[in-house]
C-alpha atoms as a PDB file:
ATOM      1  CA  MET A   1      97.381  88.242 131.570  1.00  0.00           C
ATOM      2  CA  LEU A   2      95.175  85.376 132.994  1.00  0.00           C
ATOM      3  CA  ALA A   3      92.392  88.037 134.623  1.00  0.00           C
ATOM      4  CA  CYS A   4      92.307  89.836 131.174  1.00  0.00           C
ATOM      5  CA  ILE A   5      91.239  86.872 129.747  1.00  0.00           C
ATOM      6  CA  GLY A   6      88.656  86.429 132.306  1.00  0.00           C
ATOM      7  CA  TRP A   7      86.980  90.300 132.233  1.00  0.00           C
ATOM      8  CA  LEU A   8      86.750  89.677 128.140  1.00  0.00           C
ATOM      9  CA  VAL A   9      85.180  85.838 128.782  1.00  0.00           C
ATOM     10  CA  THR A  10      82.891  87.688 131.556  1.00  0.00           C
ATOM     11  CA  GLY A  11      81.730  90.826 129.124  1.00  0.00           C
ATOM     12  CA  PHE A  12      80.925  88.614 126.305  1.00  0.00           C
ATOM     13  CA  ILE A  13      78.517  86.142 128.704  1.00  0.00           C
ATOM     14  CA  ALA A  14      77.007  89.188 130.168  1.00  0.00           C
ATOM     15  CA  GLY A  15      76.982  91.053 127.462  1.00  0.00           C
ATOM     16  CA  VAL A  16      75.127  88.232 125.767  1.00  0.00           C
ATOM     17  CA  LEU A  17      72.786  87.239 128.337  1.00  0.00           C
ATOM     18  CA  ALA A  18      71.953  91.234 128.077  1.00  0.00           C
ATOM     19  CA  ARG A  19      71.331  90.663 124.411  1.00  0.00           C
ATOM     20  CA  PHE A  20      68.984  88.205 125.035  1.00  0.00           C
ATOM     21  CA  LEU A  21      66.609  89.507 127.441  1.00  0.00           C
ATOM     22  CA  VAL A  22      66.193  93.512 126.322  1.00  0.00           C
ATOM     23  CA  PRO A  23      63.772  92.979 123.480  1.00  0.00           C
ATOM     24  CA  GLY A  24      63.729  94.406 119.750  1.00  0.00           C
ATOM     25  CA  ARG A  25      67.031  94.382 117.298  1.00  0.00           C
ATOM     26  CA  GLU A  26      70.334  96.061 118.827  1.00  0.00           C
ATOM     27  CA  GLY A  27      72.443  96.086 115.373  1.00  0.00           C
ATOM     28  CA  VAL A  28      75.930  95.603 116.943  1.00  0.00           C
ATOM     29  CA  GLY A  29      78.984  93.261 116.632  1.00  0.00           C
ATOM     30  CA  LEU A  30      81.168  90.828 119.291  1.00  0.00           C
ATOM     31  CA  PHE A  31      82.995  94.035 119.754  1.00  0.00           C
ATOM     32  CA  ALA A  32      80.143  95.733 121.114  1.00  0.00           C
ATOM     33  CA  THR A  33      78.419  92.950 122.330  1.00  0.00           C
ATOM     34  CA  ILE A  34      81.981  92.490 124.920  1.00  0.00           C
ATOM     35  CA  MET A  35      81.999  96.495 126.083  1.00  0.00           C
ATOM     36  CA  PHE A  36      78.073  96.253 127.150  1.00  0.00           C
ATOM     37  CA  GLY A  37      79.104  93.488 129.057  1.00  0.00           C
ATOM     38  CA  LEU A  38      82.731  94.790 130.588  1.00  0.00           C
ATOM     39  CA  LEU A  39      80.771  98.110 130.708  1.00  0.00           C
ATOM     40  CA  GLY A  40      78.658  96.216 132.495  1.00  0.00           C
ATOM     41  CA  SER A  41      79.714  94.166 135.366  1.00  0.00           C
ATOM     42  CA  MET A  42      81.860  97.552 136.347  1.00  0.00           C
ATOM     43  CA  LEU A  43      77.942  99.071 136.383  1.00  0.00           C
ATOM     44  CA  GLY A  44      76.814  95.958 138.264  1.00  0.00           C
ATOM     45  CA  GLY A  45      79.723  95.908 140.789  1.00  0.00           C
ATOM     46  CA  PHE A  46      78.935  99.129 142.032  1.00  0.00           C
ATOM     47  CA  LEU A  47      75.449  98.603 142.583  1.00  0.00           C
ATOM     48  CA  SER A  48      77.023  95.645 144.139  1.00  0.00           C
ATOM     49  CA  SER A  49      78.944  97.468 146.449  1.00  0.00           C
ATOM     50  CA  LEU A  50      76.223  99.813 147.572  1.00  0.00           C
ATOM     51  CA  ILE A  51      73.473  97.486 148.391  1.00  0.00           C
ATOM     52  CA  TRP A  52      75.613  94.967 150.536  1.00  0.00           C
ATOM     53  CA  GLN A  53      77.929  97.429 151.711  1.00  0.00           C
ATOM     54  CA  HIS A  54      81.588  94.988 150.514  1.00  0.00           C
ATOM     55  CA  ASP A  55      84.566  96.579 149.162  1.00  0.00           C
ATOM     56  CA  LEU A  56      85.171  97.682 145.425  1.00  0.00           C
ATOM     57  CA  ARG A  57      88.882  96.124 145.741  1.00  0.00           C
ATOM     58  CA  ASP A  58      87.729  93.134 146.425  1.00  0.00           C
ATOM     59  CA  THR A  59      88.131  90.922 142.596  1.00  0.00           C
ATOM     60  CA  THR A  60      87.265  87.457 143.296  1.00  0.00           C
ATOM     61  CA  LEU A  61      84.770  85.755 141.255  1.00  0.00           C
ATOM     62  CA  HIS A  62      81.899  84.953 142.666  1.00  0.00           C
ATOM     63  CA  PRO A  63      78.402  83.239 141.222  1.00  0.00           C
ATOM     64  CA  SER A  64      76.282  86.361 141.916  1.00  0.00           C
ATOM     65  CA  GLY A  65      79.074  88.803 140.099  1.00  0.00           C
ATOM     66  CA  LEU A  66      77.710  87.202 136.697  1.00  0.00           C
ATOM     67  CA  VAL A  67      74.344  87.527 137.658  1.00  0.00           C
ATOM     68  CA  MET A  68      74.949  91.633 138.450  1.00  0.00           C
ATOM     69  CA  SER A  69      77.002  91.721 135.729  1.00  0.00           C
ATOM     70  CA  THR A  70      74.182  90.805 133.454  1.00  0.00           C
ATOM     71  CA  ILE A  71      71.863  93.301 135.027  1.00  0.00           C
ATOM     72  CA  GLY A  72      74.548  96.199 134.900  1.00  0.00           C
ATOM     73  CA  ALA A  73      74.812  95.356 131.107  1.00  0.00           C
ATOM     74  CA  VAL A  74      70.833  94.843 130.459  1.00  0.00           C
ATOM     75  CA  ILE A  75      70.946  98.528 131.439  1.00  0.00           C
ATOM     76  CA  VAL A  76      73.989  99.540 129.796  1.00  0.00           C
ATOM     77  CA  LEU A  77      72.318  98.358 126.593  1.00  0.00           C
ATOM     78  CA  ALA A  78      68.876  99.872 127.783  1.00  0.00           C
ATOM     79  CA  ILE A  79      70.304 103.312 127.967  1.00  0.00           C
ATOM     80  CA  TYR A  80      72.134 102.597 124.350  1.00  0.00           C
ATOM     81  CA  LEU A  81      69.299 101.959 122.609  1.00  0.00           C
ATOM     82  CA  SER A  82      67.615 104.286 123.790  1.00  0.00           C
ATOM     83  CA  THR A  83      69.765 106.871 122.898  1.00  0.00           C
ATOM     84  CA  SER A  84      70.631 105.539 119.513  1.00  0.00           C
ATOM     85  CA  ARG A  85      67.494 105.826 118.900  1.00  0.00           C
ATOM     86  CA  ARG A  86      66.617 109.300 119.347  1.00  0.00           C
ATOM     87  CA  THR A  87      69.169 109.935 117.406  1.00  0.00           C
ATOM     88  CA  ALA A  88      68.439 108.089 114.440  1.00  0.00           C
ATOM     89  CA  ARG A  89      64.805 109.807 114.300  1.00  0.00           C
END
């Protein structure tokens, strides 16, 4: 239970940082912000394992994990914005 709360908090922080870093108006709510952060955490963890060759099953919290989570959330948010703008036209 405590791990789920930690994932939600990390997802929220990464999502808020991604929304701050990506220019433009997103128009998404709190739930979407958390989802962008959680998806970004998964993507960031995957990219980190590819770059630094560490085990994906290592679930300990590292400060660099938040950085990679934010980078992943920025990528996910940018993909979302590019596809949502294309369909809105």
